[in-house]
Amino acid sequence: MIDTTVDCKNKVPREPWNYPSSPLEFRAMSAALKGADIVTWLACLGAASANGFFRSWSARQVRISTFQITETMKDLKWRWREAWHLQDSMGRLSLQHDSVSITASLATLRRPGRWQLAWKMRHVSGANRISANALMSTCMAGGDWKPALAMMSGMVMNRIEPDGTSFNTVIGASAKSDEWQAAIHLLGHMGVESDVISHSAAISACAADGLWQLAFHLKQSIRAMAVKLNTIALNTCLDCCGKARNWEWTLDALKSMKTLTIEPTQESLSILLSATNAKAWTLAVDDIAQSEPDLHLLNCAIHSVAACWRLAYDKLVWMTRQRLSDKTSFSTAMTACEKAGEWTTSLALFNSVCYLHTSDHISLSTAMSAAESAAQWQPALVLLREVAQREEADEVHFGAVIGACHQVMKASQEPAAVSANGVASYGSPPDAFTGVAERGDKTVTRQHSGVSHASIMSVFTETMAEIKEAGPVLLASLCLVSALEGADMALLPAVFYALQRDLGLHLNDLATMTLIQGVTTAAVAPLWGIIADRGIMKRKNIIVMGCVLQGLVTMLLSVIDQMVGMTLLRALNGAMLASLRPVANGVIADVTSEQRRGKVFGVVQFCTNAGLMAGGLIGTPLSTKTVLGWQGWRVSFIGIGLLSVLVGVFAACTMTEPPRETSGAHAKERGALRQELKKLLSYFRMPTFCALIFQGWFGGIPWNAMSYSTLFYQVGGITDAKAAVLAAAGQASGAFGGILGGLIGDRLARWCPLHGRPFTAQISVMAGIPVAYLTFMVDPPEGEVAFFYYFALVTFLGLTATWCGVGVNLPILTEIVRPEGRATIMAWESALESTFAAILGNAMVGFLAENVFGYKLEESDHATSDPESRRALGKALTFTCFMPWIICWTAYSLLHFTYPRDLKRVKDEKMKEKKEARQQRKIEKAEEEASGKDILFLHSCHSSSQSLPCAVTHS
């Protein structure tokens, strides 16, 4: 203890603590005299001696409590000398020790290893089970197990019952001292229920002495006792068996992890690998995979054999054949190939991940690193362009290209001379490369530096041929669903004429029926999107259920004759149809890359239009016929409903649930209505989303009004069959127009990433305005020429005015939100725009035609030429097409300003998430290392802080 009665500087005796003599003491005294509390005073005290100040406090009648001194000791942390002085002075101040103060004092003695001082506190009054456990933990930190055991014996002598923490601490201390006999003895004679900490420590003690058989049997006995094991305990058992080179027992321990629903770590697989040779390892992984395939386990397997790129490649081939691979599998194998110098194989795997999955930042960076290590500057430039198109390029990607060019220039002044195996010169400039996805395997085939590339690529080509079946099967299911949706959409307009004639319905009645169906579809669509994005139901199950129930409802329509019943069933039909489109679009966005997403949306839209065409082509002439005593329109409803049920059965049998693309920041909060409303409001803070909603309000009106075009042809003198052909021609041209719009939108987006898609929308909208005028306002030629006149206009309209949905709206929506919110935002967009369009489109045509322009259908068995009715309906259709498309074109013009801003926002969010993810991984890695080393110590400290320990009986 520091002598407080001598001035250390001048060696002059002085009166103890009558006045402050050092700056530190002066600051402490000043803080006290100014009215500061005791905690502040003690904090200022620091290294100064406490006794003199305690006398000063007493002289000034300052009241000091145990709590204040305890809080000060907690603030001192590892400054054990100061804490020890405060603990020693509590007796002089007649303050009672309690478990909290003792524990706080002991906490300062653990890290420096001052367990001898801690041992002196074993006789302090006020000690209880908590402080005794803390004292044992401090002694254990000193590396000696005997004081901990002696302390537990002292607890029994002082009538303090040891608990599970007490035994765990002593067993842990025995394990650290390699005293496995003591650990096993204590584990067998615990008077309290043992837990995973106790058994993990005993297993560690056995593993330290190489007693792998005892450790393994101990693990088996743990399972029999129904004690829940953790990853650390099983990894310890794995390590013990692995050091003994007994891979069969190691494999059995690894299987136990799967049985106990414990996720194996990379360390688990590495231990198994160290215990086996290559052949035994292959058998081990195959045994696990065949018994219970697990993607995480297999990815860990690839990572653990990354030192041997061929073995990692073979594992990936096997996984892809079993349809178990994901982006992580490919990225891990690419890294193994890159480290082994197999850059061509790494690029080939990158091409495959672009086809099978959506390439991500990790796979792109790995591919560029492989090109850099092999001094291949041209493939690096190709990949850099792919990254730049996504606006995700950073210093890592540019550094890879610069490094590749630097290696080329260092080896030779002519980049064309760089050819490790006599490959032809790279004479073309970097601009000649259009992308890895377009060149792909050709570049890899002619650029190779390896000994067995031909055989490897042949194996992988065979694998890819099998894997490609998964993509088309999924796409085929979605295409059938889209065709079914289109057929149902075309069915009611196709039988308009027959319903007017057979049931006496008016045009306003049919418009009302269509309106209610459209509003119901729009209202329910966001619900299905939320269910899909939150994972409440699998997307496959949603699609299957929607198809089957929609089919049953459509078949019920065939036996209803009343307006009210048909309206209710059409509303229910719309609710079921709402589950198909947003969910299918979300699936497409997850399994396609941004560069080819518009084309895939176009293919699905083609199928929708094919369904519209088939529904109109078959339903229109059939509606006025009689089939087996049934009216034709009833047969149409039954046929479409039956097809819906069959499509649902097909999807249930063949469709696979695709993996979800997530951003890492998504948390499921089921039933959180407030969260969904908050998310919807966040969408409205996106200018691009608002512009798309605004254009959708008006852009959808003309297409809803186009459902009356078949009726327009019929009242104009076109026969039922030719009217059906015109409707089918419009749908067919629209189907090809969707594919054309997707291709043009993708190409313009690559040419000008920020303005290409808005340009696509403006061109498409402007193409429809003159066609609508020529179709509905201009009188057609007389005779049979009228049919060909309408046919040419309908075809041109379908090829040019149908680009916006697949080439602009859907791709943009998938780019401005997180991956896990795609189905929801597309559902909201569809709901908000289609509701407004359904209300104005159908209702406006019926109201204007009958009440403004004088439309009136003549009573007849067949459609006859009625020029007045045709002109009245044509004026209504022209009005509902011209003005909305002008407003729509203006709204798309706003995307030139809003779309770049939202893309920049998304890019900034991604970069922020990546930085946070990297920081979080560092923190988790540090915590994992700390918990792996000090799990027993931390558990003891945590248990000691509990104020209500369980009372147990010691035997």
Foldseek 3Di string as FASTA:
>chain_A
DDDQQADVVVRDGDDGQPDDDDPLQVVLVVCVVVPHDPLVSLLSCPPPQCPSVVVVCVVVVNDDALVSLLVNLLVVQQPLVSLVRSVVCCVVVVYADALSSLLSNLRNQQPVLNLVVLLVCLPGPHDAQLSLLSNLLSNLSNLALVSLVVSCVVCVVVVHDHDQLSLLSSLLSCLSVLNLVVLVVSVVAFQYDHAQSSLLSSLSSCLVVLVLVVSLVSVVVCVVVVHQYAQLSLLSSLLSCLVVLNLVSSLVSVVVCVVSVYQHDLSSLLSSPSSDDPVVSVVSVVVVCVVPNDLSVLLSNLLNVLCPLVSLLVSLLVCLLVVNDAQSSLLSSLLSCLVVLFLLVSLLSVLVCQQFFADDPSSLLSSLSSCLVLLNLLVLLQSVLVCVLLVQDDPSSVVSNVSSPVVCCVVDVDNQPDAPPPFGGPPDDSVVRDHCNVCPPVVSVRHGDDDCVVVSVVSVVVSVVSSVVQVVLQLVLLLLLLLLLLLVVQLLLLLVVLLCQPLVDDLLLSLLLLLLLLLLLLVQLLVLLLCPLLVVDFLLVLSLVLLQVLLVLLLVLLPDRDSVVSSVSSSVNSNSSSNRPLSSLLVLLGRHYLLQQLLSLLQSLLSNLQSNLVNLLQNNVQQLDADPNGHRSSVSSNVSSVSSNVSSVSSVVRHDRDDFDFLPPDDRDPPPPVVVVVVVVVLVVQLLLVLLLQLLLQVLQLVLLCSCVLVLCLQQAHFSNLSSVLSSLLSNLLSQLSSVLSVQLSVQCSVPVQCRQLVLQLFLLVQQLVLLCCQQPPDADDDPVSSVVSSVSSNSNSNRNNNNPSSHDLSLLCQLDTSSSSSNSVSNSSSSSSSSSSVCRSNQLSCQLVPPQNADDDDDSGRHHDPSNSNSSSVSSSVSRNVSSVSSSVSSVCSSPRSVVSSVVSSVVSVVSVVVVVVVVVVVVVVVVVCSVCVSSVVSSVVSPDPDDDDGDRD
